[in-house]
N, C-alpha and C. Protein backbone atom coordinates (compact mmCIF):
# COMPACT_ATOMS: atom_id res chain seq x y z
N MET A 1 3.58 -34.16 -11.00
CA MET A 1 2.91 -33.25 -11.24
C MET A 1 1.82 -33.22 -12.94
N LYS A 2 1.06 -32.56 -12.81
CA LYS A 2 -0.04 -32.51 -14.16
C LYS A 2 0.90 -31.83 -15.09
N ILE A 3 0.47 -32.37 -16.55
CA ILE A 3 1.32 -31.84 -17.30
C ILE A 3 0.69 -30.62 -17.77
N ASN A 4 -0.53 -29.95 -17.52
CA ASN A 4 -0.79 -28.58 -17.87
C ASN A 4 -0.35 -27.83 -17.05
N ALA A 5 -0.26 -28.19 -15.76
CA ALA A 5 0.70 -27.47 -14.68
C ALA A 5 2.29 -27.13 -15.05
N LYS A 6 2.51 -28.18 -15.36
CA LYS A 6 4.47 -28.25 -15.65
C LYS A 6 4.68 -27.04 -17.37
N ILE A 7 3.42 -27.22 -18.20
CA ILE A 7 3.92 -26.12 -19.04
C ILE A 7 3.63 -24.43 -18.41
N ARG A 8 2.39 -24.22 -17.69
CA ARG A 8 2.20 -23.64 -17.24
C ARG A 8 3.05 -22.94 -16.32
N GLU A 9 4.19 -23.91 -15.82
CA GLU A 9 5.43 -23.62 -14.81
C GLU A 9 6.60 -23.04 -15.75
N LEU A 10 6.24 -23.40 -16.74
CA LEU A 10 7.49 -23.30 -17.34
C LEU A 10 7.60 -22.08 -18.20
N PHE A 11 6.56 -21.36 -18.75
CA PHE A 11 5.94 -20.05 -19.10
C PHE A 11 6.30 -18.89 -17.79
N VAL A 12 6.16 -19.57 -16.92
CA VAL A 12 5.85 -18.54 -15.85
C VAL A 12 7.46 -18.50 -15.58
N GLU A 13 7.87 -19.57 -15.50
CA GLU A 13 9.87 -19.26 -15.19
C GLU A 13 10.59 -18.99 -16.24
N LYS A 14 10.06 -19.17 -17.53
CA LYS A 14 11.09 -19.03 -18.84
C LYS A 14 11.11 -17.91 -19.34
N ILE A 15 9.25 -17.15 -19.46
CA ILE A 15 9.34 -16.09 -20.16
C ILE A 15 8.97 -15.21 -19.24
N GLY A 16 7.62 -15.66 -18.11
CA GLY A 16 7.06 -14.24 -17.26
C GLY A 16 8.03 -13.93 -16.68
N TYR A 17 9.05 -14.53 -15.82
CA TYR A 17 10.23 -13.88 -14.93
C TYR A 17 10.90 -13.43 -15.59
N ARG A 18 11.61 -13.90 -16.71
CA ARG A 18 12.67 -12.63 -17.27
C ARG A 18 11.83 -11.72 -17.44
N PHE A 19 10.93 -11.34 -18.17
CA PHE A 19 10.78 -10.28 -18.40
C PHE A 19 9.78 -9.48 -17.61
N PHE A 20 9.17 -9.96 -16.68
CA PHE A 20 8.02 -9.23 -15.86
C PHE A 20 7.96 -10.26 -14.44
N PRO A 21 9.25 -9.94 -13.83
CA PRO A 21 9.50 -10.24 -12.48
C PRO A 21 8.82 -9.71 -11.47
N CYS A 22 8.00 -10.76 -10.52
CA CYS A 22 7.39 -9.96 -9.92
C CYS A 22 6.91 -9.21 -9.17
N LEU A 23 5.43 -8.77 -10.49
CA LEU A 23 4.71 -7.64 -10.26
C LEU A 23 4.06 -7.86 -9.11
N TYR A 24 3.75 -8.76 -9.07
CA TYR A 24 2.32 -8.76 -7.84
C TYR A 24 3.30 -8.47 -6.51
N ASN A 25 4.67 -8.29 -6.12
CA ASN A 25 5.16 -7.97 -5.06
C ASN A 25 5.31 -6.21 -4.80
N ARG A 26 4.87 -5.52 -6.08
CA ARG A 26 4.85 -4.08 -5.78
C ARG A 26 4.18 -3.25 -4.64
N PHE A 27 2.73 -4.28 -4.75
CA PHE A 27 1.58 -3.96 -3.67
C PHE A 27 2.05 -4.42 -2.16
N HIS A 28 2.88 -4.96 -1.76
CA HIS A 28 3.20 -5.92 -0.42
C HIS A 28 3.48 -4.27 0.52
N ASP A 29 3.64 -3.71 0.54
CA ASP A 29 4.30 -2.79 1.49
C ASP A 29 3.03 -2.73 2.78
N PRO A 30 1.51 -2.88 2.18
CA PRO A 30 0.74 -2.93 3.40
C PRO A 30 0.74 -4.28 4.51
N ILE A 31 0.86 -5.29 3.70
CA ILE A 31 0.80 -6.61 4.21
C ILE A 31 1.82 -6.70 4.92
N PHE A 32 3.41 -6.17 4.51
CA PHE A 32 4.54 -6.15 5.47
C PHE A 32 4.64 -5.01 6.62
N ASP A 33 3.68 -4.09 6.68
CA ASP A 33 3.05 -3.20 7.75
C ASP A 33 2.61 -4.18 9.03
N PHE A 34 1.57 -5.08 8.34
CA PHE A 34 0.97 -5.86 9.06
C PHE A 34 1.90 -6.73 9.93
N ILE A 35 2.41 -7.38 9.02
CA ILE A 35 3.46 -8.41 9.57
C ILE A 35 4.06 -7.82 10.86
N LYS A 36 4.51 -6.35 10.45
CA LYS A 36 5.58 -5.55 11.27
C LYS A 36 5.14 -5.88 12.45
N SER A 37 4.09 -5.28 12.60
CA SER A 37 3.08 -5.28 13.40
C SER A 37 3.11 -6.46 14.40
N LYS A 38 2.88 -7.69 14.09
CA LYS A 38 2.74 -9.04 14.81
C LYS A 38 3.77 -9.83 15.09
N THR A 39 5.43 -9.69 14.42
CA THR A 39 6.20 -10.16 14.53
C THR A 39 6.57 -10.14 16.24
N PRO A 40 6.80 -11.42 16.76
CA PRO A 40 7.16 -11.29 18.42
C PRO A 40 8.73 -11.00 18.12
N GLN A 41 9.23 -10.66 18.69
CA GLN A 41 10.29 -9.83 19.10
C GLN A 41 11.37 -11.03 18.98
N ASP A 42 11.53 -11.93 19.59
CA ASP A 42 12.80 -13.24 19.52
C ASP A 42 13.07 -13.66 17.79
N PHE A 43 12.01 -13.33 17.01
CA PHE A 43 12.19 -13.54 15.29
C PHE A 43 13.24 -12.82 15.02
N LEU A 44 13.55 -11.29 15.39
CA LEU A 44 14.31 -10.30 14.69
C LEU A 44 15.77 -10.41 15.21
N HIS A 45 16.76 -10.18 14.35
CA HIS A 45 17.87 -10.00 14.31
C HIS A 45 18.73 -11.57 14.26
N LYS A 46 18.17 -12.39 13.73
CA LYS A 46 18.68 -13.39 13.18
C LYS A 46 19.26 -13.46 11.80
N SER A 47 19.93 -14.77 11.60
CA SER A 47 20.73 -15.22 10.18
C SER A 47 19.89 -15.89 9.52
N ILE A 48 19.23 -15.21 7.89
CA ILE A 48 18.00 -15.20 7.56
C ILE A 48 18.24 -15.83 6.34
N TYR A 49 17.51 -17.12 5.25
CA TYR A 49 17.85 -17.88 4.31
C TYR A 49 16.46 -17.27 3.72
N ASP A 50 16.21 -16.45 2.78
CA ASP A 50 14.75 -16.34 2.32
C ASP A 50 14.55 -17.22 1.30
N LEU A 51 13.89 -18.24 1.04
CA LEU A 51 13.50 -19.05 0.00
C LEU A 51 12.60 -19.12 -0.91
N GLY A 52 12.99 -18.96 -1.97
CA GLY A 52 12.32 -18.46 -2.98
C GLY A 52 11.92 -16.95 -2.80
N CYS A 53 12.96 -16.23 -3.17
CA CYS A 53 13.17 -14.91 -2.85
C CYS A 53 12.98 -14.01 -3.74
N GLY A 54 12.37 -14.85 -5.40
CA GLY A 54 12.41 -13.80 -6.49
C GLY A 54 13.47 -12.66 -7.04
N ASP A 55 13.00 -11.67 -7.28
CA ASP A 55 13.48 -10.64 -7.31
C ASP A 55 13.92 -9.63 -6.62
N GLY A 56 13.91 -10.08 -5.43
CA GLY A 56 14.67 -9.67 -3.96
C GLY A 56 13.63 -8.60 -3.56
N GLY A 57 12.38 -7.88 -3.92
CA GLY A 57 11.15 -6.60 -3.53
C GLY A 57 11.14 -7.51 -2.12
N ASN A 58 10.48 -8.36 -1.97
CA ASN A 58 9.90 -8.71 -0.76
C ASN A 58 11.45 -9.34 0.36
N THR A 59 12.58 -9.05 -0.42
CA THR A 59 13.26 -9.64 0.81
C THR A 59 13.89 -8.47 1.19
N ILE A 60 13.53 -7.01 0.33
CA ILE A 60 13.79 -5.90 1.01
C ILE A 60 13.14 -5.86 2.39
N ARG A 61 11.86 -6.13 1.92
CA ARG A 61 10.75 -5.78 3.01
C ARG A 61 10.95 -7.19 4.54
N ILE A 62 11.36 -7.83 4.18
CA ILE A 62 12.17 -8.29 5.18
C ILE A 62 13.25 -8.26 6.06
N GLN A 63 13.87 -7.80 5.34
CA GLN A 63 15.15 -7.27 6.11
C GLN A 63 14.53 -5.97 7.18
N LYS A 64 13.82 -4.97 6.44
CA LYS A 64 13.27 -4.23 7.32
C LYS A 64 12.22 -4.73 8.45
N VAL A 65 11.63 -5.77 8.19
CA VAL A 65 10.63 -6.36 8.95
C VAL A 65 11.61 -6.80 10.65
N PHE A 66 12.72 -8.02 9.70
CA PHE A 66 13.10 -8.46 10.82
C PHE A 66 14.69 -8.37 11.03
N GLN A 67 14.99 -6.94 10.95
CA GLN A 67 16.11 -6.51 10.82
C GLN A 67 17.65 -7.64 10.86
N PRO A 68 17.62 -8.40 10.20
CA PRO A 68 18.71 -9.97 10.26
C PRO A 68 20.04 -9.51 10.81
N LYS A 69 21.05 -10.24 11.07
CA LYS A 69 22.23 -10.18 11.36
C LYS A 69 22.90 -10.30 9.41
N GLU A 70 22.09 -11.04 8.89
CA GLU A 70 22.40 -11.52 7.27
C GLU A 70 21.45 -12.22 6.96
N ILE A 71 21.25 -11.70 5.00
CA ILE A 71 20.37 -12.48 4.99
C ILE A 71 20.75 -13.29 3.34
N ILE A 72 20.34 -14.11 3.06
CA ILE A 72 20.69 -14.77 1.88
C ILE A 72 19.90 -14.77 1.35
N ALA A 73 19.45 -14.48 -0.08
CA ALA A 73 18.13 -14.86 -1.08
C ALA A 73 18.39 -16.11 -2.20
N CYS A 74 17.25 -17.02 -1.78
CA CYS A 74 17.69 -17.73 -2.47
C CYS A 74 16.46 -17.89 -3.57
N ASP A 75 17.17 -18.87 -4.54
CA ASP A 75 15.63 -19.04 -5.73
C ASP A 75 16.30 -19.84 -6.51
N ARG A 76 14.99 -20.62 -7.36
CA ARG A 76 15.72 -21.54 -8.09
C ARG A 76 16.11 -20.99 -9.54
N ASN A 77 15.70 -19.75 -9.95
CA ASN A 77 15.44 -18.82 -11.31
C ASN A 77 16.66 -17.72 -11.14
N LYS A 78 17.96 -18.09 -12.62
CA LYS A 78 18.88 -17.14 -12.12
C LYS A 78 18.51 -16.02 -12.80
N TYR A 79 17.47 -15.58 -13.44
CA TYR A 79 16.92 -14.32 -13.66
C TYR A 79 16.71 -13.64 -12.55
N MET A 80 15.81 -14.24 -11.31
CA MET A 80 15.80 -13.89 -10.33
C MET A 80 16.77 -13.47 -9.53
N LEU A 81 17.37 -14.22 -9.09
CA LEU A 81 19.03 -14.25 -8.56
C LEU A 81 19.64 -12.95 -8.97
N GLU A 82 19.85 -13.30 -10.65
CA GLU A 82 20.75 -11.69 -11.03
C GLU A 82 19.86 -10.13 -10.62
N ARG A 83 18.36 -10.33 -10.50
CA ARG A 83 18.10 -9.26 -10.10
C ARG A 83 17.87 -8.67 -8.45
N ALA A 84 18.06 -10.06 -7.39
CA ALA A 84 17.87 -9.43 -6.38
C ALA A 84 19.42 -9.34 -5.99
N LYS A 85 20.21 -9.96 -6.44
CA LYS A 85 21.78 -9.48 -6.57
C LYS A 85 22.04 -8.43 -6.78
N ARG A 86 21.27 -7.51 -8.02
CA ARG A 86 21.25 -6.17 -8.27
C ARG A 86 20.97 -5.17 -7.00
N LYS A 87 20.25 -5.59 -6.18
CA LYS A 87 19.66 -4.97 -5.01
C LYS A 87 20.55 -4.90 -3.99
N GLY A 88 21.45 -6.13 -3.80
CA GLY A 88 22.92 -5.98 -2.96
C GLY A 88 22.50 -7.14 -2.02
N PHE A 89 21.54 -7.91 -2.23
CA PHE A 89 21.92 -9.44 -1.70
C PHE A 89 23.10 -10.22 -1.83
N LYS A 90 23.32 -10.79 -1.00
CA LYS A 90 24.03 -12.64 -1.37
C LYS A 90 23.06 -13.55 -2.00
N VAL A 91 23.25 -14.05 -2.85
CA VAL A 91 22.46 -14.92 -3.42
C VAL A 91 22.90 -16.55 -3.62
N LYS A 92 21.94 -17.36 -3.28
CA LYS A 92 22.00 -18.65 -3.61
C LYS A 92 21.17 -19.43 -4.45
N GLU A 93 21.78 -20.28 -5.56
CA GLU A 93 20.62 -21.00 -6.30
C GLU A 93 20.48 -22.30 -5.50
N ILE A 94 18.85 -22.37 -5.21
CA ILE A 94 18.55 -23.37 -5.00
C ILE A 94 16.93 -23.99 -5.42
N ASN A 95 16.93 -25.28 -5.27
CA ASN A 95 15.42 -25.92 -5.65
C ASN A 95 14.83 -26.13 -4.48
N PHE A 96 13.82 -25.84 -3.78
CA PHE A 96 13.30 -26.24 -2.94
C PHE A 96 12.86 -27.37 -2.41
N ASN A 97 12.43 -27.94 -4.02
CA ASN A 97 11.80 -29.49 -4.08
C ASN A 97 13.17 -30.57 -3.99
N ASP A 98 14.16 -30.14 -4.16
CA ASP A 98 14.96 -30.88 -4.06
C ASP A 98 16.03 -31.09 -2.89
N ASN A 99 16.09 -29.66 -2.11
CA ASN A 99 17.51 -29.69 -0.76
C ASN A 99 17.36 -28.31 -0.30
N PHE A 100 17.69 -28.19 0.45
CA PHE A 100 17.87 -27.03 2.06
C PHE A 100 19.25 -26.53 2.08
N PRO A 101 19.21 -25.46 2.77
CA PRO A 101 20.24 -25.17 3.22
C PRO A 101 19.86 -25.41 4.67
N GLN A 102 20.93 -25.09 5.81
CA GLN A 102 20.39 -25.02 7.26
C GLN A 102 20.74 -23.76 7.86
N GLY A 103 19.98 -23.89 8.61
CA GLY A 103 20.25 -21.87 9.21
C GLY A 103 19.45 -21.94 10.31
N GLU A 104 19.36 -20.24 10.61
CA GLU A 104 19.00 -19.90 11.74
C GLU A 104 17.38 -19.48 11.62
N MET A 105 17.07 -18.81 10.26
CA MET A 105 15.61 -18.63 10.14
C MET A 105 15.45 -18.71 9.22
N ALA A 106 14.40 -19.36 7.98
CA ALA A 106 13.94 -19.44 6.98
C ALA A 106 12.56 -18.55 6.55
N THR A 107 12.92 -17.55 5.72
CA THR A 107 11.49 -16.97 5.06
C THR A 107 10.90 -17.72 4.12
N PHE A 108 9.38 -17.59 3.85
CA PHE A 108 9.35 -17.94 2.48
C PHE A 108 8.08 -16.85 2.30
N THR A 109 8.06 -15.72 1.39
CA THR A 109 7.05 -15.12 1.15
C THR A 109 6.49 -15.39 -0.29
N PHE A 110 5.52 -15.85 -0.35
CA PHE A 110 4.85 -16.18 -1.12
C PHE A 110 5.72 -16.85 -2.14
N SER A 111 6.09 -17.98 -1.69
CA SER A 111 7.28 -19.14 -2.51
C SER A 111 6.68 -20.10 -2.04
N LEU A 112 6.48 -20.76 -0.85
CA LEU A 112 6.00 -22.09 -0.45
C LEU A 112 4.74 -22.79 -1.52
N HIS A 113 4.09 -21.98 -1.74
CA HIS A 113 2.65 -22.78 -2.77
C HIS A 113 3.47 -23.26 -3.96
N HIS A 114 4.69 -22.69 -4.48
CA HIS A 114 5.79 -23.48 -5.88
C HIS A 114 5.90 -25.18 -5.68
N ALA A 115 6.20 -24.85 -3.79
CA ALA A 115 6.36 -26.32 -4.12
C ALA A 115 5.64 -27.40 -4.68
N TYR A 116 6.15 -28.55 -4.98
CA TYR A 116 5.45 -29.80 -5.39
C TYR A 116 4.88 -30.47 -4.28
N ASP A 117 5.38 -30.50 -3.22
CA ASP A 117 4.67 -31.69 -2.22
C ASP A 117 4.98 -30.55 -1.21
N LYS A 118 4.63 -29.52 -0.65
CA LYS A 118 3.97 -28.24 0.36
C LYS A 118 4.86 -28.88 1.66
N GLU A 119 3.78 -29.54 2.10
CA GLU A 119 4.24 -31.03 3.58
C GLU A 119 5.48 -31.49 3.45
N LYS A 120 6.17 -31.81 2.43
CA LYS A 120 7.07 -32.37 2.53
C LYS A 120 8.45 -31.44 2.57
N THR A 121 8.35 -30.19 1.59
CA THR A 121 9.10 -29.25 1.61
C THR A 121 9.10 -28.68 3.03
N LEU A 122 7.83 -28.62 3.92
CA LEU A 122 8.15 -27.70 5.23
C LEU A 122 8.52 -28.61 6.38
N LYS A 123 8.53 -30.21 5.94
CA LYS A 123 8.94 -30.73 7.10
C LYS A 123 10.43 -30.61 6.79
N SER A 124 11.07 -30.91 5.74
CA SER A 124 12.42 -30.44 5.38
C SER A 124 12.96 -29.35 6.19
N VAL A 125 12.22 -27.96 5.59
CA VAL A 125 12.72 -26.98 6.26
C VAL A 125 12.75 -26.73 7.98
N VAL A 126 11.77 -27.30 8.91
CA VAL A 126 11.53 -27.61 9.89
C VAL A 126 13.03 -27.87 10.51
N LYS A 127 13.50 -29.11 9.60
CA LYS A 127 14.64 -30.27 10.35
C LYS A 127 15.86 -29.03 10.32
N ASN A 128 15.87 -28.17 9.48
CA ASN A 128 17.11 -27.34 8.74
C ASN A 128 16.85 -25.86 9.58
N PHE A 129 15.71 -25.53 10.30
CA PHE A 129 16.03 -24.22 10.84
C PHE A 129 15.69 -24.33 11.85
N LYS A 130 15.57 -23.12 13.49
CA LYS A 130 14.95 -22.85 14.23
C LYS A 130 13.48 -22.17 14.24
N TYR A 131 13.93 -21.24 13.03
CA TYR A 131 12.33 -20.12 13.20
C TYR A 131 11.83 -20.13 11.64
N ILE A 132 10.92 -19.90 11.74
CA ILE A 132 10.38 -19.98 9.92
C ILE A 132 8.92 -18.99 9.91
N PHE A 133 9.26 -18.50 9.16
CA PHE A 133 8.13 -17.02 8.75
C PHE A 133 7.83 -17.51 7.29
N ILE A 134 6.62 -17.52 7.60
CA ILE A 134 5.80 -18.04 5.87
C ILE A 134 4.40 -16.85 5.81
N CYS A 135 4.38 -16.34 4.44
CA CYS A 135 3.25 -15.63 4.06
C CYS A 135 3.15 -16.00 3.08
N GLU A 136 1.55 -16.57 3.04
CA GLU A 136 1.23 -17.29 1.70
C GLU A 136 -0.19 -16.83 1.36
N PRO A 137 -0.42 -17.18 -0.08
CA PRO A 137 -1.64 -16.73 -0.32
C PRO A 137 -2.51 -17.83 -0.39
N CYS A 138 -3.98 -17.66 -0.35
CA CYS A 138 -4.71 -18.77 -0.17
C CYS A 138 -5.43 -18.72 -1.84
N LEU A 139 -5.93 -19.67 -1.87
CA LEU A 139 -6.51 -19.82 -3.72
C LEU A 139 -7.61 -18.88 -3.01
N ASP A 140 -7.66 -18.17 -4.83
CA ASP A 140 -8.31 -17.34 -5.38
C ASP A 140 -8.67 -17.60 -6.39
N LEU A 141 -9.22 -16.55 -7.13
CA LEU A 141 -9.71 -16.62 -8.61
C LEU A 141 -8.21 -16.38 -9.54
N TYR A 142 -7.87 -15.13 -8.78
CA TYR A 142 -6.14 -14.44 -9.42
C TYR A 142 -5.43 -15.46 -9.13
N HIS A 143 -5.41 -16.56 -8.34
CA HIS A 143 -4.07 -17.28 -8.13
C HIS A 143 -4.48 -18.82 -8.91
N TRP A 144 -5.99 -18.67 -8.49
CA TRP A 144 -6.57 -20.32 -9.76
C TRP A 144 -6.07 -19.87 -11.16
N LEU A 145 -6.63 -18.92 -11.76
CA LEU A 145 -6.27 -18.25 -13.17
C LEU A 145 -4.45 -18.30 -13.34
N PHE A 146 -3.86 -17.16 -12.75
CA PHE A 146 -2.28 -17.04 -13.03
C PHE A 146 -0.79 -17.49 -12.53
N ASP A 147 -1.65 -18.19 -11.12
CA ASP A 147 -0.28 -18.86 -10.50
C ASP A 147 0.55 -20.35 -10.95
N ALA A 148 1.25 -20.27 -11.21
CA ALA A 148 1.50 -21.75 -11.66
C ALA A 148 2.14 -22.83 -10.33
N GLY A 149 1.65 -21.74 -9.14
CA GLY A 149 2.10 -22.12 -7.92
C GLY A 149 1.42 -23.61 -7.13
N HIS A 150 0.18 -23.64 -7.90
CA HIS A 150 -0.87 -24.71 -7.41
C HIS A 150 -1.41 -24.28 -5.55
N VAL A 151 -1.66 -23.10 -5.79
CA VAL A 151 -2.25 -22.34 -4.29
C VAL A 151 -2.80 -23.27 -3.51
N PRO A 152 -2.90 -23.48 -2.24
CA PRO A 152 -4.23 -24.32 -1.55
C PRO A 152 -4.96 -23.31 -1.08
N THR A 153 -6.06 -24.08 -1.00
CA THR A 153 -7.16 -22.82 -0.19
C THR A 153 -6.75 -22.69 1.40
N LYS A 154 -7.33 -22.38 2.05
CA LYS A 154 -7.20 -21.58 3.55
C LYS A 154 -7.25 -23.00 4.35
N GLU A 155 -8.23 -24.03 4.09
CA GLU A 155 -8.07 -24.51 5.11
C GLU A 155 -7.25 -25.92 4.60
N LYS A 156 -6.27 -25.92 3.61
CA LYS A 156 -5.49 -26.85 3.45
C LYS A 156 -3.97 -26.46 3.77
N TRP A 157 -4.19 -25.11 3.55
CA TRP A 157 -2.78 -24.70 4.69
C TRP A 157 -2.78 -25.01 5.64
N ILE A 158 -3.85 -24.56 6.73
CA ILE A 158 -3.96 -24.85 7.72
C ILE A 158 -3.57 -26.27 8.31
N GLU A 159 -4.33 -27.01 7.38
CA GLU A 159 -4.18 -28.99 7.52
C GLU A 159 -2.64 -29.21 7.59
N ILE A 160 -1.99 -28.42 6.72
CA ILE A 160 -0.76 -28.49 6.32
C ILE A 160 0.37 -28.07 7.86
N PHE A 161 -0.15 -26.64 8.27
CA PHE A 161 0.49 -26.18 8.98
C PHE A 161 0.23 -27.10 10.38
N ASN A 162 -0.85 -27.64 10.61
CA ASN A 162 -1.39 -28.60 12.31
C ASN A 162 -0.32 -29.50 11.74
N LYS A 163 -0.58 -30.30 10.62
CA LYS A 163 0.10 -31.69 10.62
C LYS A 163 2.04 -31.59 10.56
N VAL A 164 2.39 -30.69 10.20
CA VAL A 164 3.99 -30.20 10.36
C VAL A 164 4.31 -29.44 11.47
N LEU A 165 3.67 -28.40 11.75
CA LEU A 165 4.08 -27.18 12.63
C LEU A 165 3.66 -27.48 13.96
N LYS A 166 2.41 -28.04 13.97
CA LYS A 166 1.75 -28.51 15.15
C LYS A 166 1.44 -26.70 16.25
N LYS A 167 2.40 -26.40 16.42
CA LYS A 167 2.50 -25.30 17.25
C LYS A 167 2.92 -24.13 16.84
N TYR A 168 2.11 -22.88 16.50
CA TYR A 168 3.05 -21.97 15.70
C TYR A 168 1.86 -20.56 16.25
N LEU A 169 2.21 -19.18 15.62
CA LEU A 169 1.14 -18.39 15.56
C LEU A 169 0.76 -18.35 14.06
N LEU A 170 -0.59 -17.71 13.96
CA LEU A 170 -1.23 -17.80 12.52
C LEU A 170 -2.22 -16.69 12.51
N TYR A 171 -1.47 -15.55 11.35
CA TYR A 171 -3.02 -14.48 11.35
C TYR A 171 -3.07 -14.29 9.72
N GLN A 172 -4.03 -13.25 9.66
CA GLN A 172 -4.39 -13.45 8.32
C GLN A 172 -4.80 -12.08 8.00
N TYR A 173 -3.98 -11.60 7.36
CA TYR A 173 -4.51 -10.27 6.36
C TYR A 173 -4.80 -10.57 4.73
N LYS A 174 -6.19 -10.49 5.23
CA LYS A 174 -6.86 -10.46 3.44
C LYS A 174 -6.76 -11.42 3.20
N ASN A 175 -6.31 -12.41 1.74
CA ASN A 175 -6.34 -13.23 1.61
C ASN A 175 -5.10 -13.92 1.99
N SER A 176 -4.27 -13.57 2.44
CA SER A 176 -3.18 -14.06 3.50
C SER A 176 -2.76 -14.54 4.27
N LEU A 177 -1.99 -16.05 4.37
CA LEU A 177 -1.80 -16.49 6.08
C LEU A 177 -0.42 -16.08 5.84
N ILE A 178 -0.07 -15.85 7.58
CA ILE A 178 1.19 -15.17 8.40
C ILE A 178 1.42 -16.08 9.17
N VAL A 179 2.67 -16.66 9.15
CA VAL A 179 2.47 -17.90 10.22
C VAL A 179 4.22 -17.83 10.98
N PHE A 180 4.48 -17.91 12.27
CA PHE A 180 5.66 -17.79 12.75
C PHE A 180 5.43 -19.12 13.63
N PHE A 181 6.87 -19.80 13.26
CA PHE A 181 7.11 -20.86 14.15
C PHE A 181 8.23 -20.57 14.91
N LYS A 182 8.41 -21.54 15.78
CA LYS A 182 9.64 -21.95 16.53
C LYS A 182 9.90 -23.01 17.00
N HIS A 183 11.02 -23.71 16.84
CA HIS A 183 11.04 -25.05 17.50
C HIS A 183 10.76 -24.49 19.02
N GLY A 184 10.49 -25.15 20.17
CA GLY A 184 9.94 -25.70 21.28
C GLY A 184 10.90 -24.44 22.17
């Protein structure tokens, strides 16, 4: 990873998320309304690991849409996990650049773009979960200026999805791609 990206990530992780957690997700209700309208029935009522849960704001939305049997909020940032825990979630500290739990369903909402190697990360998740839900932004001016996660273009995301997932449902809501994947 480039040095300037590491510095930007350090700033975001240690200062930004500690004092200004997930401000972006305040405006995600409309995208989750869209997601709810597109969710296949067989994605409902699963045990979910929300990978990169942040402060748990979108985990609440995932809970409303997917009505899981259980949900575990996972993140590498202890400040975010503290906030998710205060919202009533079981939490688990993981860094998805290193390892993954195994389970029935994994969700990434605005978190996969933080993986250093998105393709490798997605391959690991495919090995460990039967169902995968992804909602990720595409590169735009906002993400270019402010996001420490190295957001890919729409074309690059689709290239990764095609290579790793092969067969999946894909939707777009404004600047975000929404993916539903399940093994055969």
